[in-house]
């Protein structure tokens, strides 16, 4: 029997599961930022991307290697926690913007209404980055 993989790109959280030879689903862990300078694994990935200010993390903060081209992003539990303190730098619910009739899915609009972020993300880019993190479990 082959393994089957299922990915849930959720508005609040993302998850990935596998069904193998046993026929029973198994939730897989997703590598993510869990602290200011730590990477870990959790069964859910909050659909949150934090865009830190320059110099906000003197040691560079948690670095997720697969988004090296976007080194100024933090994904996961810590992104959601830090974003609660700095909501102007938090991209959340990017999936819901993909089908918004008056939003440009490919345009850099997130975090919505932010005046402090130098480079915003499109809903498509944010969703892709969340999915990309799931492929590296």
Foldseek 3Di string as FASTA:
>chain_A
DAKDKDWDLDQFKIWIWIQGPVRDIDTDWFWFADDFADIDTDRIWTLKKFQDDVPPRVVLGHADVVVVVPSRIGTGDVRVVVCVVVVLRMFGSLVVQCPDPPHDQQDFQPPPPRPPHPGGGHSVVSSVVVVSSRVVD
